[in-house]
Amino acid sequence: MTNDDFKEMGRAAFRLGLERDPYVDFIFKSASSVADGAAQYAAWCVGWDEVSSSTPVTHSLFDLGYNDLKKHTELARIAVYLDAYVADLRFVPNTRNPEFSKTTLSAVLAERYYHFGELGNKNYRGNDVQIVDLETGLPKLHELLQVKPVIIMCACWDRKGCHRMVVAAEYQKAYGLATKPLSRSVIKDILSQVDEIDPLQPKLL
């Protein structure tokens, strides 16, 4: 096949992939070339069922509560430092603090930001955690971890009382990888090593 053939395959795969599931865009954004993206997509195309507990995890999984942060650019600096995606696990990705709304985060984090509504807590106003759809959400999270490290994020500063730890426990049960907490001391250390980021220039990410 010529390079043009691979390019056309990549374009067709990308169009089809976006129709099937918007998460496929990270495959092409992270691929080293259109041909590589097409090859990765061909493997993906057989379905999420192929991503199972037998698929090794190649990157670290972190967890964070954004109430430990002062502003959204700090989250961006952490993501840059770890070269990680941010998986927003909130059922409703809006907040009284506009710094951490889905609109703001998707703008400043750009391609690093993903909202995983399937892994949100639909009973977030109550006491019992009710994850929307672990069966769908966990394989997607696992697929993302094949590309880069991932920070699973919610608002709660207390990880023990946050639904993200239910998601983390289920992920570990399915794939054998435990999360690494981004505690206040770890966050402080990271921020001391990363320059301030201009939120109007997401290309810096």
N, C-alpha and C. Protein backbone atom coordinates (compact mmCIF):
# COMPACT_ATOMS: atom_id res chain seq x y z
N MET A 1 0.84 -1.20 0.00
CA MET A 1 0.00 0.00 0.00
C MET A 1 0.88 1.25 0.00
N THR A 2 0.43 2.27 -0.73
CA THR A 2 1.17 3.51 -0.75
C THR A 2 0.82 4.36 0.47
N ASN A 3 1.61 5.41 0.67
CA ASN A 3 1.33 6.31 1.78
C ASN A 3 -0.04 6.98 1.61
N ASP A 4 -0.41 7.27 0.35
CA ASP A 4 -1.72 7.86 0.08
C ASP A 4 -2.84 6.91 0.48
N ASP A 5 -2.63 5.61 0.24
CA ASP A 5 -3.63 4.62 0.64
C ASP A 5 -3.83 4.64 2.15
N PHE A 6 -2.71 4.69 2.88
CA PHE A 6 -2.80 4.74 4.33
C PHE A 6 -3.51 6.01 4.80
N LYS A 7 -3.22 7.14 4.13
CA LYS A 7 -3.86 8.39 4.52
C LYS A 7 -5.36 8.31 4.32
N GLU A 8 -5.79 7.75 3.19
CA GLU A 8 -7.22 7.62 2.94
C GLU A 8 -7.86 6.66 3.93
N MET A 9 -7.15 5.59 4.25
CA MET A 9 -7.66 4.65 5.24
C MET A 9 -7.83 5.36 6.59
N GLY A 10 -6.84 6.18 6.93
CA GLY A 10 -6.91 6.91 8.20
C GLY A 10 -8.08 7.86 8.22
N ARG A 11 -8.30 8.58 7.13
CA ARG A 11 -9.43 9.53 7.08
C ARG A 11 -10.75 8.80 7.21
N ALA A 12 -10.90 7.70 6.48
CA ALA A 12 -12.15 6.93 6.54
C ALA A 12 -12.37 6.34 7.93
N ALA A 13 -11.29 5.81 8.50
CA ALA A 13 -11.39 5.22 9.84
C ALA A 13 -11.77 6.28 10.86
N PHE A 14 -11.19 7.47 10.72
CA PHE A 14 -11.47 8.54 11.67
C PHE A 14 -12.93 8.97 11.58
N ARG A 15 -13.44 9.10 10.34
CA ARG A 15 -14.85 9.49 10.17
C ARG A 15 -15.76 8.45 10.78
N LEU A 16 -15.50 7.19 10.49
CA LEU A 16 -16.32 6.11 11.02
C LEU A 16 -16.19 6.03 12.54
N GLY A 17 -14.97 6.22 13.03
CA GLY A 17 -14.75 6.14 14.47
C GLY A 17 -15.50 7.19 15.24
N LEU A 18 -15.53 8.41 14.72
CA LEU A 18 -16.25 9.48 15.41
C LEU A 18 -17.74 9.20 15.42
N GLU A 19 -18.25 8.53 14.37
CA GLU A 19 -19.66 8.16 14.36
C GLU A 19 -19.94 7.10 15.41
N ARG A 20 -18.97 6.19 15.62
CA ARG A 20 -19.17 5.12 16.59
C ARG A 20 -19.00 5.59 18.02
N ASP A 21 -17.97 6.39 18.24
CA ASP A 21 -17.67 6.80 19.61
C ASP A 21 -16.65 7.93 19.58
N PRO A 22 -16.95 9.07 20.20
CA PRO A 22 -16.02 10.20 20.15
C PRO A 22 -14.68 9.92 20.81
N TYR A 23 -14.58 8.90 21.67
CA TYR A 23 -13.31 8.61 22.33
C TYR A 23 -12.24 8.16 21.34
N VAL A 24 -12.66 7.77 20.14
CA VAL A 24 -11.67 7.28 19.18
C VAL A 24 -10.72 8.39 18.74
N ASP A 25 -11.10 9.67 18.95
CA ASP A 25 -10.22 10.73 18.48
C ASP A 25 -8.85 10.70 19.13
N PHE A 26 -8.77 10.19 20.37
CA PHE A 26 -7.46 10.18 21.03
C PHE A 26 -6.50 9.22 20.34
N ILE A 27 -7.03 8.19 19.64
CA ILE A 27 -6.16 7.26 18.93
C ILE A 27 -5.38 8.01 17.86
N PHE A 28 -6.08 8.88 17.11
CA PHE A 28 -5.42 9.58 16.03
C PHE A 28 -4.59 10.75 16.52
N LYS A 29 -5.05 11.41 17.60
CA LYS A 29 -4.27 12.52 18.13
C LYS A 29 -2.94 12.06 18.69
N SER A 30 -2.91 10.84 19.21
CA SER A 30 -1.68 10.34 19.84
C SER A 30 -0.82 9.53 18.90
N ALA A 31 -1.35 9.19 17.73
CA ALA A 31 -0.59 8.34 16.80
C ALA A 31 0.58 9.11 16.20
N SER A 32 1.66 8.40 15.91
CA SER A 32 2.84 9.05 15.36
C SER A 32 2.65 9.42 13.89
N SER A 33 1.68 8.80 13.21
CA SER A 33 1.40 9.11 11.82
C SER A 33 -0.02 8.67 11.50
N VAL A 34 -0.51 9.12 10.36
CA VAL A 34 -1.84 8.70 9.93
C VAL A 34 -1.89 7.19 9.75
N ALA A 35 -0.82 6.63 9.19
CA ALA A 35 -0.77 5.18 8.99
C ALA A 35 -0.83 4.44 10.31
N ASP A 36 -0.08 4.96 11.29
CA ASP A 36 -0.09 4.33 12.61
C ASP A 36 -1.48 4.44 13.23
N GLY A 37 -2.11 5.60 13.06
CA GLY A 37 -3.47 5.77 13.58
C GLY A 37 -4.44 4.80 12.93
N ALA A 38 -4.30 4.61 11.61
CA ALA A 38 -5.17 3.67 10.92
C ALA A 38 -4.97 2.25 11.42
N ALA A 39 -3.70 1.88 11.67
CA ALA A 39 -3.42 0.54 12.17
C ALA A 39 -4.01 0.34 13.57
N GLN A 40 -3.86 1.37 14.42
CA GLN A 40 -4.43 1.27 15.76
C GLN A 40 -5.94 1.20 15.70
N TYR A 41 -6.52 1.99 14.78
CA TYR A 41 -7.97 1.98 14.68
C TYR A 41 -8.48 0.63 14.17
N ALA A 42 -7.74 0.00 13.28
CA ALA A 42 -8.16 -1.30 12.78
C ALA A 42 -8.29 -2.30 13.92
N ALA A 43 -7.34 -2.23 14.87
CA ALA A 43 -7.42 -3.11 16.03
C ALA A 43 -8.59 -2.72 16.92
N TRP A 44 -8.81 -1.42 17.05
CA TRP A 44 -9.91 -0.92 17.90
C TRP A 44 -11.27 -1.29 17.33
N CYS A 45 -11.33 -1.35 15.98
CA CYS A 45 -12.60 -1.48 15.28
C CYS A 45 -13.34 -2.77 15.62
N VAL A 46 -12.63 -3.78 16.11
CA VAL A 46 -13.30 -5.04 16.44
C VAL A 46 -14.19 -4.87 17.67
N GLY A 47 -14.02 -3.76 18.39
CA GLY A 47 -14.92 -3.50 19.52
C GLY A 47 -14.19 -3.43 20.84
N TRP A 48 -14.84 -2.78 21.81
CA TRP A 48 -14.25 -2.61 23.13
C TRP A 48 -14.09 -3.93 23.87
N ASP A 49 -14.83 -4.96 23.47
CA ASP A 49 -14.74 -6.25 24.14
C ASP A 49 -13.34 -6.84 24.05
N GLU A 50 -12.58 -6.39 23.04
CA GLU A 50 -11.22 -6.91 22.88
C GLU A 50 -10.28 -6.40 23.96
N VAL A 51 -10.65 -5.28 24.59
CA VAL A 51 -9.83 -4.74 25.67
C VAL A 51 -10.27 -5.41 26.96
N SER A 52 -9.51 -6.35 27.41
CA SER A 52 -9.91 -7.15 28.56
C SER A 52 -8.84 -7.12 29.62
N SER A 53 -9.06 -7.89 30.67
CA SER A 53 -8.10 -7.94 31.76
C SER A 53 -6.76 -8.54 31.31
N SER A 54 -6.75 -9.17 30.13
CA SER A 54 -5.51 -9.74 29.63
C SER A 54 -4.64 -8.69 28.93
N THR A 55 -5.22 -7.50 28.67
CA THR A 55 -4.46 -6.44 28.03
C THR A 55 -3.65 -5.71 29.08
N PRO A 56 -2.32 -5.71 28.96
CA PRO A 56 -1.50 -5.09 30.01
C PRO A 56 -1.69 -3.58 30.08
N VAL A 57 -1.62 -3.04 31.29
CA VAL A 57 -1.68 -1.60 31.49
C VAL A 57 -0.28 -1.06 31.29
N THR A 58 -0.16 -0.05 30.44
CA THR A 58 1.17 0.45 30.10
C THR A 58 1.50 1.79 30.75
N HIS A 59 0.53 2.42 31.44
CA HIS A 59 0.77 3.72 32.04
C HIS A 59 0.15 3.78 33.43
N SER A 60 0.53 4.81 34.18
CA SER A 60 0.05 4.96 35.56
C SER A 60 -1.34 5.60 35.61
N LEU A 61 -2.06 5.25 36.66
CA LEU A 61 -3.38 5.82 36.93
C LEU A 61 -3.29 6.63 38.23
N PHE A 62 -3.68 7.89 38.16
CA PHE A 62 -3.65 8.78 39.31
C PHE A 62 -5.07 9.20 39.67
N ASP A 63 -5.26 9.67 40.91
CA ASP A 63 -6.58 10.24 41.24
C ASP A 63 -6.39 11.55 41.97
N LEU A 64 -7.37 12.45 41.76
CA LEU A 64 -7.25 13.81 42.27
C LEU A 64 -8.63 14.39 42.53
N GLY A 65 -8.74 15.18 43.60
CA GLY A 65 -9.94 15.97 43.86
C GLY A 65 -9.62 17.43 43.61
N TYR A 66 -10.33 18.08 42.70
CA TYR A 66 -9.92 19.44 42.32
C TYR A 66 -10.19 20.47 43.41
N ASN A 67 -10.90 20.11 44.47
CA ASN A 67 -11.06 21.04 45.58
C ASN A 67 -9.74 21.28 46.30
N ASP A 68 -8.72 20.48 45.98
CA ASP A 68 -7.38 20.71 46.51
C ASP A 68 -6.62 21.76 45.69
N LEU A 69 -7.22 22.22 44.59
CA LEU A 69 -6.57 23.17 43.70
C LEU A 69 -7.20 24.56 43.81
N LYS A 70 -6.42 25.59 43.51
CA LYS A 70 -6.92 26.95 43.58
C LYS A 70 -7.54 27.39 42.26
N LYS A 71 -6.99 26.90 41.15
CA LYS A 71 -7.50 27.29 39.84
C LYS A 71 -7.23 26.21 38.81
N HIS A 72 -7.95 26.30 37.70
CA HIS A 72 -7.88 25.24 36.69
C HIS A 72 -6.51 25.13 36.04
N THR A 73 -5.76 26.24 36.00
CA THR A 73 -4.44 26.17 35.38
C THR A 73 -3.49 25.29 36.19
N GLU A 74 -3.76 25.12 37.47
CA GLU A 74 -2.94 24.20 38.27
C GLU A 74 -3.17 22.76 37.80
N LEU A 75 -4.42 22.44 37.49
CA LEU A 75 -4.70 21.11 36.95
C LEU A 75 -3.99 20.91 35.62
N ALA A 76 -3.98 21.95 34.80
CA ALA A 76 -3.28 21.87 33.52
C ALA A 76 -1.78 21.63 33.73
N ARG A 77 -1.19 22.31 34.70
CA ARG A 77 0.24 22.15 34.98
C ARG A 77 0.56 20.73 35.45
N ILE A 78 -0.33 20.18 36.26
CA ILE A 78 -0.15 18.80 36.73
C ILE A 78 -0.23 17.83 35.56
N ALA A 79 -1.22 18.04 34.68
CA ALA A 79 -1.38 17.17 33.52
C ALA A 79 -0.17 17.23 32.61
N VAL A 80 0.39 18.43 32.44
CA VAL A 80 1.58 18.60 31.61
C VAL A 80 2.77 17.88 32.26
N TYR A 81 2.94 18.07 33.55
CA TYR A 81 4.07 17.46 34.26
C TYR A 81 4.03 15.94 34.15
N LEU A 82 2.83 15.36 34.29
CA LEU A 82 2.69 13.90 34.24
C LEU A 82 2.49 13.39 32.81
N ASP A 83 2.37 14.32 31.87
CA ASP A 83 2.01 13.99 30.48
C ASP A 83 0.80 13.06 30.48
N ALA A 84 -0.27 13.52 31.12
CA ALA A 84 -1.44 12.66 31.37
C ALA A 84 -2.72 13.23 30.79
N TYR A 85 -3.66 12.33 30.53
CA TYR A 85 -5.03 12.73 30.25
C TYR A 85 -5.74 12.98 31.58
N VAL A 86 -6.77 13.81 31.55
CA VAL A 86 -7.62 14.02 32.71
C VAL A 86 -9.00 13.43 32.40
N ALA A 87 -9.39 12.43 33.19
CA ALA A 87 -10.69 11.79 33.02
C ALA A 87 -11.63 12.35 34.09
N ASP A 88 -12.54 13.20 33.68
CA ASP A 88 -13.50 13.84 34.57
C ASP A 88 -14.61 12.84 34.88
N LEU A 89 -14.72 12.40 36.13
CA LEU A 89 -15.68 11.37 36.50
C LEU A 89 -16.97 11.94 37.09
N ARG A 90 -17.19 13.22 36.99
CA ARG A 90 -18.40 13.80 37.55
C ARG A 90 -19.62 13.44 36.71
N PHE A 91 -20.71 13.11 37.39
CA PHE A 91 -21.96 12.82 36.69
C PHE A 91 -22.45 14.07 35.98
N VAL A 92 -22.40 15.19 36.67
CA VAL A 92 -22.74 16.50 36.09
C VAL A 92 -21.46 17.34 36.12
N PRO A 93 -20.81 17.51 34.99
CA PRO A 93 -19.49 18.17 34.97
C PRO A 93 -19.57 19.69 35.02
N ASN A 94 -20.45 20.19 35.88
CA ASN A 94 -20.56 21.63 36.09
C ASN A 94 -20.40 21.89 37.58
N THR A 95 -20.12 23.12 37.93
CA THR A 95 -19.85 23.44 39.32
C THR A 95 -20.14 24.91 39.56
N ARG A 96 -20.35 25.25 40.83
CA ARG A 96 -20.55 26.66 41.17
C ARG A 96 -19.26 27.45 40.95
N ASN A 97 -18.14 26.75 40.90
CA ASN A 97 -16.86 27.38 40.59
C ASN A 97 -16.59 27.19 39.10
N PRO A 98 -16.79 28.22 38.28
CA PRO A 98 -16.62 28.07 36.82
C PRO A 98 -15.22 27.67 36.40
N GLU A 99 -14.24 27.80 37.31
CA GLU A 99 -12.87 27.39 37.00
C GLU A 99 -12.80 25.92 36.62
N PHE A 100 -13.75 25.12 37.16
CA PHE A 100 -13.67 23.67 36.96
C PHE A 100 -14.90 23.11 36.24
N SER A 101 -15.56 23.95 35.47
CA SER A 101 -16.66 23.46 34.65
C SER A 101 -16.10 22.70 33.45
N LYS A 102 -16.93 21.87 32.86
CA LYS A 102 -16.50 21.11 31.68
C LYS A 102 -16.05 22.05 30.57
N THR A 103 -16.78 23.15 30.39
CA THR A 103 -16.44 24.11 29.33
C THR A 103 -15.04 24.68 29.54
N THR A 104 -14.73 25.07 30.76
CA THR A 104 -13.43 25.65 31.05
C THR A 104 -12.32 24.61 30.91
N LEU A 105 -12.54 23.44 31.49
CA LEU A 105 -11.49 22.41 31.48
C LEU A 105 -11.22 21.90 30.07
N SER A 106 -12.26 21.73 29.28
CA SER A 106 -12.05 21.23 27.92
C SER A 106 -11.31 22.28 27.09
N ALA A 107 -11.49 23.57 27.44
CA ALA A 107 -10.79 24.62 26.71
C ALA A 107 -9.31 24.67 27.08
N VAL A 108 -9.01 24.63 28.38
CA VAL A 108 -7.62 24.78 28.80
C VAL A 108 -6.82 23.49 28.64
N LEU A 109 -7.48 22.34 28.83
CA LEU A 109 -6.77 21.06 28.71
C LEU A 109 -6.76 20.53 27.29
N ALA A 110 -7.68 21.04 26.46
CA ALA A 110 -7.76 20.63 25.06
C ALA A 110 -7.88 19.12 24.93
N GLU A 111 -6.97 18.50 24.16
CA GLU A 111 -7.09 17.06 23.89
C GLU A 111 -6.76 16.19 25.10
N ARG A 112 -6.31 16.81 26.18
CA ARG A 112 -6.05 16.02 27.38
C ARG A 112 -7.32 15.73 28.19
N TYR A 113 -8.41 16.42 27.88
CA TYR A 113 -9.61 16.31 28.71
C TYR A 113 -10.64 15.34 28.13
N TYR A 114 -11.16 14.46 29.00
CA TYR A 114 -12.24 13.55 28.63
C TYR A 114 -13.25 13.50 29.77
N HIS A 115 -14.50 13.63 29.41
CA HIS A 115 -15.55 13.47 30.42
C HIS A 115 -16.09 12.04 30.33
N PHE A 116 -15.96 11.30 31.42
CA PHE A 116 -16.45 9.92 31.50
C PHE A 116 -17.76 9.91 32.28
N GLY A 117 -18.84 10.28 31.61
CA GLY A 117 -20.14 10.28 32.26
C GLY A 117 -20.56 8.90 32.74
N GLU A 118 -20.06 7.86 32.05
CA GLU A 118 -20.41 6.48 32.43
C GLU A 118 -19.87 6.14 33.82
N LEU A 119 -18.83 6.85 34.24
CA LEU A 119 -18.22 6.57 35.54
C LEU A 119 -18.60 7.61 36.59
N GLY A 120 -19.66 8.36 36.30
CA GLY A 120 -20.15 9.33 37.27
C GLY A 120 -21.06 8.66 38.30
N ASN A 121 -21.28 9.36 39.38
CA ASN A 121 -22.17 8.88 40.45
C ASN A 121 -23.54 9.53 40.28
N LYS A 122 -24.50 8.76 39.76
CA LYS A 122 -25.81 9.34 39.49
C LYS A 122 -26.58 9.68 40.77
N ASN A 123 -26.09 9.19 41.90
CA ASN A 123 -26.69 9.51 43.19
C ASN A 123 -25.77 10.45 43.97
N TYR A 124 -25.18 11.41 43.26
CA TYR A 124 -24.18 12.27 43.89
C TYR A 124 -24.75 13.16 44.98
N ARG A 125 -26.07 13.32 45.01
CA ARG A 125 -26.69 14.11 46.08
C ARG A 125 -27.04 13.26 47.30
N GLY A 126 -26.90 11.93 47.14
CA GLY A 126 -27.24 11.03 48.23
C GLY A 126 -26.02 10.42 48.88
N ASN A 127 -26.25 9.39 49.68
CA ASN A 127 -25.16 8.75 50.41
C ASN A 127 -24.61 7.51 49.72
N ASP A 128 -25.45 6.80 48.99
CA ASP A 128 -25.02 5.56 48.34
C ASP A 128 -24.49 5.85 46.94
N VAL A 129 -23.28 5.38 46.66
CA VAL A 129 -22.68 5.58 45.35
C VAL A 129 -23.35 4.67 44.32
N GLN A 130 -23.76 5.25 43.22
CA GLN A 130 -24.37 4.49 42.12
C GLN A 130 -23.69 4.90 40.82
N ILE A 131 -22.70 4.12 40.41
CA ILE A 131 -21.97 4.42 39.18
C ILE A 131 -22.88 4.15 37.98
N VAL A 132 -22.86 5.05 37.02
CA VAL A 132 -23.78 4.98 35.89
C VAL A 132 -23.63 3.68 35.11
N ASP A 133 -22.41 3.38 34.63
CA ASP A 133 -22.23 2.20 33.78
C ASP A 133 -20.76 1.77 33.79
N LEU A 134 -20.40 0.98 34.80
CA LEU A 134 -19.02 0.49 34.90
C LEU A 134 -18.65 -0.37 33.71
N GLU A 135 -19.58 -1.18 33.25
CA GLU A 135 -19.29 -2.12 32.16
C GLU A 135 -18.84 -1.41 30.90
N THR A 136 -19.39 -0.22 30.66
CA THR A 136 -18.99 0.56 29.50
C THR A 136 -17.79 1.46 29.80
N GLY A 137 -17.79 2.07 30.98
CA GLY A 137 -16.78 3.05 31.29
C GLY A 137 -15.40 2.50 31.56
N LEU A 138 -15.30 1.38 32.27
CA LEU A 138 -13.98 0.85 32.62
C LEU A 138 -13.15 0.46 31.40
N PRO A 139 -13.71 -0.24 30.40
CA PRO A 139 -12.89 -0.56 29.22
C PRO A 139 -12.40 0.68 28.49
N LYS A 140 -13.22 1.74 28.48
CA LYS A 140 -12.78 2.98 27.82
C LYS A 140 -11.63 3.62 28.59
N LEU A 141 -11.73 3.60 29.90
CA LEU A 141 -10.64 4.11 30.72
C LEU A 141 -9.38 3.28 30.50
N HIS A 142 -9.54 1.99 30.41
CA HIS A 142 -8.40 1.10 30.18
C HIS A 142 -7.76 1.37 28.83
N GLU A 143 -8.57 1.61 27.83
CA GLU A 143 -8.04 1.91 26.50
C GLU A 143 -7.25 3.22 26.52
N LEU A 144 -7.75 4.21 27.23
CA LEU A 144 -7.05 5.48 27.32
C LEU A 144 -5.68 5.31 27.98
N LEU A 145 -5.61 4.40 28.95
CA LEU A 145 -4.35 4.15 29.66
C LEU A 145 -3.32 3.46 28.79
N GLN A 146 -3.72 2.94 27.66
CA GLN A 146 -2.74 2.35 26.75
C GLN A 146 -1.94 3.42 26.03
N VAL A 147 -2.45 4.67 26.07
CA VAL A 147 -1.82 5.76 25.33
C VAL A 147 -0.97 6.66 26.23
N LYS A 148 -1.53 7.06 27.36
CA LYS A 148 -0.84 7.94 28.30
C LYS A 148 -1.29 7.61 29.72
N PRO A 149 -0.59 8.15 30.72
CA PRO A 149 -1.13 8.10 32.08
C PRO A 149 -2.47 8.83 32.14
N VAL A 150 -3.28 8.49 33.11
CA VAL A 150 -4.60 9.11 33.25
C VAL A 150 -4.79 9.56 34.70
N ILE A 151 -5.33 10.77 34.86
CA ILE A 151 -5.74 11.27 36.17
C ILE A 151 -7.25 11.19 36.24
N ILE A 152 -7.79 10.33 37.11
CA ILE A 152 -9.23 10.33 37.30
C ILE A 152 -9.56 11.42 38.31
N MET A 153 -10.52 12.27 37.96
CA MET A 153 -10.75 13.48 38.74
C MET A 153 -12.21 13.62 39.13
N CYS A 154 -12.42 14.06 40.37
CA CYS A 154 -13.73 14.49 40.83
C CYS A 154 -13.49 15.74 41.68
N ALA A 155 -14.52 16.23 42.35
CA ALA A 155 -14.36 17.43 43.16
C ALA A 155 -13.79 17.13 44.54
N CYS A 156 -14.16 16.00 45.11
CA CYS A 156 -13.92 15.72 46.53
C CYS A 156 -12.44 15.71 46.90
N TRP A 157 -12.06 16.46 47.92
CA TRP A 157 -10.67 16.42 48.38
C TRP A 157 -10.41 15.14 49.16
N ASP A 158 -11.44 14.62 49.85
CA ASP A 158 -11.30 13.38 50.62
C ASP A 158 -11.55 12.19 49.71
N ARG A 159 -10.48 11.56 49.27
CA ARG A 159 -10.63 10.45 48.30
C ARG A 159 -11.37 9.27 48.90
N LYS A 160 -11.28 9.08 50.22
CA LYS A 160 -11.95 7.93 50.83
C LYS A 160 -13.47 8.03 50.72
N GLY A 161 -13.98 9.24 50.70
CA GLY A 161 -15.42 9.40 50.62
C GLY A 161 -15.92 9.72 49.23
N CYS A 162 -15.03 9.65 48.24
CA CYS A 162 -15.39 10.03 46.86
C CYS A 162 -15.69 8.80 46.01
N HIS A 163 -16.64 8.96 45.08
CA HIS A 163 -17.00 7.83 44.22
C HIS A 163 -15.86 7.42 43.30
N ARG A 164 -14.86 8.31 43.12
CA ARG A 164 -13.74 7.92 42.25
C ARG A 164 -12.99 6.73 42.81
N MET A 165 -13.06 6.54 44.13
CA MET A 165 -12.38 5.40 44.72
C MET A 165 -13.16 4.11 44.50
N VAL A 166 -14.47 4.22 44.30
CA VAL A 166 -15.26 3.05 43.90
C VAL A 166 -14.86 2.65 42.49
N VAL A 167 -14.74 3.65 41.62
CA VAL A 167 -14.29 3.40 40.25
C VAL A 167 -12.88 2.80 40.26
N ALA A 168 -12.00 3.37 41.09
CA ALA A 168 -10.61 2.89 41.17
C ALA A 168 -10.56 1.44 41.64
N ALA A 169 -11.38 1.11 42.63
CA ALA A 169 -11.40 -0.25 43.16
C ALA A 169 -11.89 -1.24 42.11
N GLU A 170 -12.90 -0.84 41.36
CA GLU A 170 -13.43 -1.72 40.31
C GLU A 170 -12.43 -1.86 39.17
N TYR A 171 -11.71 -0.77 38.88
CA TYR A 171 -10.69 -0.85 37.84
C TYR A 171 -9.57 -1.79 38.27
N GLN A 172 -9.14 -1.67 39.50
CA GLN A 172 -8.08 -2.55 40.00
C GLN A 172 -8.52 -4.01 39.98
N LYS A 173 -9.78 -4.24 40.33
CA LYS A 173 -10.31 -5.60 40.32
C LYS A 173 -10.29 -6.18 38.89
N ALA A 174 -10.62 -5.34 37.92
CA ALA A 174 -10.70 -5.80 36.54
C ALA A 174 -9.35 -5.89 35.85
N TYR A 175 -8.45 -4.93 36.16
CA TYR A 175 -7.20 -4.82 35.38
C TYR A 175 -5.92 -4.89 36.22
N GLY A 176 -6.07 -4.93 37.54
CA GLY A 176 -4.90 -5.15 38.39
C GLY A 176 -4.03 -3.95 38.67
N LEU A 177 -4.52 -2.74 38.37
CA LEU A 177 -3.71 -1.55 38.60
C LEU A 177 -4.38 -0.65 39.64
N ALA A 178 -3.62 -0.28 40.67
CA ALA A 178 -4.13 0.62 41.70
C ALA A 178 -3.81 2.06 41.34
N THR A 179 -4.64 2.98 41.80
CA THR A 179 -4.38 4.40 41.54
C THR A 179 -3.33 4.94 42.50
N LYS A 180 -2.68 6.00 42.05
CA LYS A 180 -1.72 6.72 42.88
C LYS A 180 -2.35 8.06 43.26
N PRO A 181 -2.53 8.33 44.55
CA PRO A 181 -3.19 9.58 44.94
C PRO A 181 -2.30 10.79 44.70
N LEU A 182 -2.90 11.83 44.13
CA LEU A 182 -2.21 13.11 44.01
C LEU A 182 -2.62 13.93 45.23
N SER A 183 -1.91 13.70 46.31
CA SER A 183 -2.22 14.35 47.58
C SER A 183 -1.79 15.81 47.54
N ARG A 184 -2.15 16.56 48.57
CA ARG A 184 -1.79 17.97 48.62
C ARG A 184 -0.28 18.18 48.59
N SER A 185 0.45 17.31 49.27
CA SER A 185 1.92 17.45 49.28
C SER A 185 2.51 17.13 47.91
N VAL A 186 1.96 16.12 47.23
CA VAL A 186 2.44 15.77 45.89
C VAL A 186 2.13 16.90 44.92
N ILE A 187 0.91 17.44 45.02
CA ILE A 187 0.50 18.54 44.15
C ILE A 187 1.42 19.74 44.34
N LYS A 188 1.71 20.08 45.58
CA LYS A 188 2.59 21.21 45.88
C LYS A 188 3.96 21.01 45.26
N ASP A 189 4.47 19.79 45.35
CA ASP A 189 5.79 19.48 44.79
C ASP A 189 5.78 19.61 43.26
N ILE A 190 4.72 19.10 42.63
CA ILE A 190 4.62 19.19 41.16
C ILE A 190 4.55 20.64 40.72
N LEU A 191 3.68 21.41 41.36
CA LEU A 191 3.48 22.80 40.95
C LEU A 191 4.75 23.64 41.13
N SER A 192 5.59 23.23 42.06
CA SER A 192 6.84 23.96 42.26
C SER A 192 7.83 23.72 41.13
N GLN A 193 7.57 22.70 40.33
CA GLN A 193 8.49 22.33 39.26
C GLN A 193 7.98 22.68 37.86
N VAL A 194 6.73 23.16 37.77
CA VAL A 194 6.14 23.45 36.47
C VAL A 194 5.79 24.93 36.39
N ASP A 195 6.18 25.58 35.30
CA ASP A 195 5.90 26.99 35.12
C ASP A 195 4.41 27.24 34.98
N GLU A 196 4.00 28.46 35.26
CA GLU A 196 2.61 28.87 35.09
C GLU A 196 2.22 28.70 33.63
N ILE A 197 0.94 28.32 33.41
CA ILE A 197 0.44 28.11 32.05
C ILE A 197 -0.59 29.18 31.73
N ASP A 198 -0.48 29.76 30.55
CA ASP A 198 -1.45 30.75 30.11
C ASP A 198 -2.70 30.03 29.65
N PRO A 199 -3.85 30.22 30.32
CA PRO A 199 -5.07 29.49 29.95
C PRO A 199 -5.59 29.85 28.57
N LEU A 200 -5.09 30.95 28.00
CA LEU A 200 -5.54 31.36 26.67
C LEU A 200 -4.71 30.71 25.58
N GLN A 201 -3.72 29.88 25.98
CA GLN A 201 -2.87 29.22 25.00
C GLN A 201 -2.85 27.71 25.23
N PRO A 202 -3.97 27.03 24.96
CA PRO A 202 -4.02 25.58 25.19
C PRO A 202 -3.03 24.81 24.34
N LYS A 203 -2.49 25.46 23.29
CA LYS A 203 -1.50 24.77 22.47
C LYS A 203 -0.24 24.40 23.26
N LEU A 204 -0.02 25.10 24.38
CA LEU A 204 1.13 24.80 25.22
C LEU A 204 1.02 23.42 25.84
N LEU A 205 -0.20 22.84 25.88
CA LEU A 205 -0.38 21.54 26.47
C LEU A 205 0.03 20.47 25.51
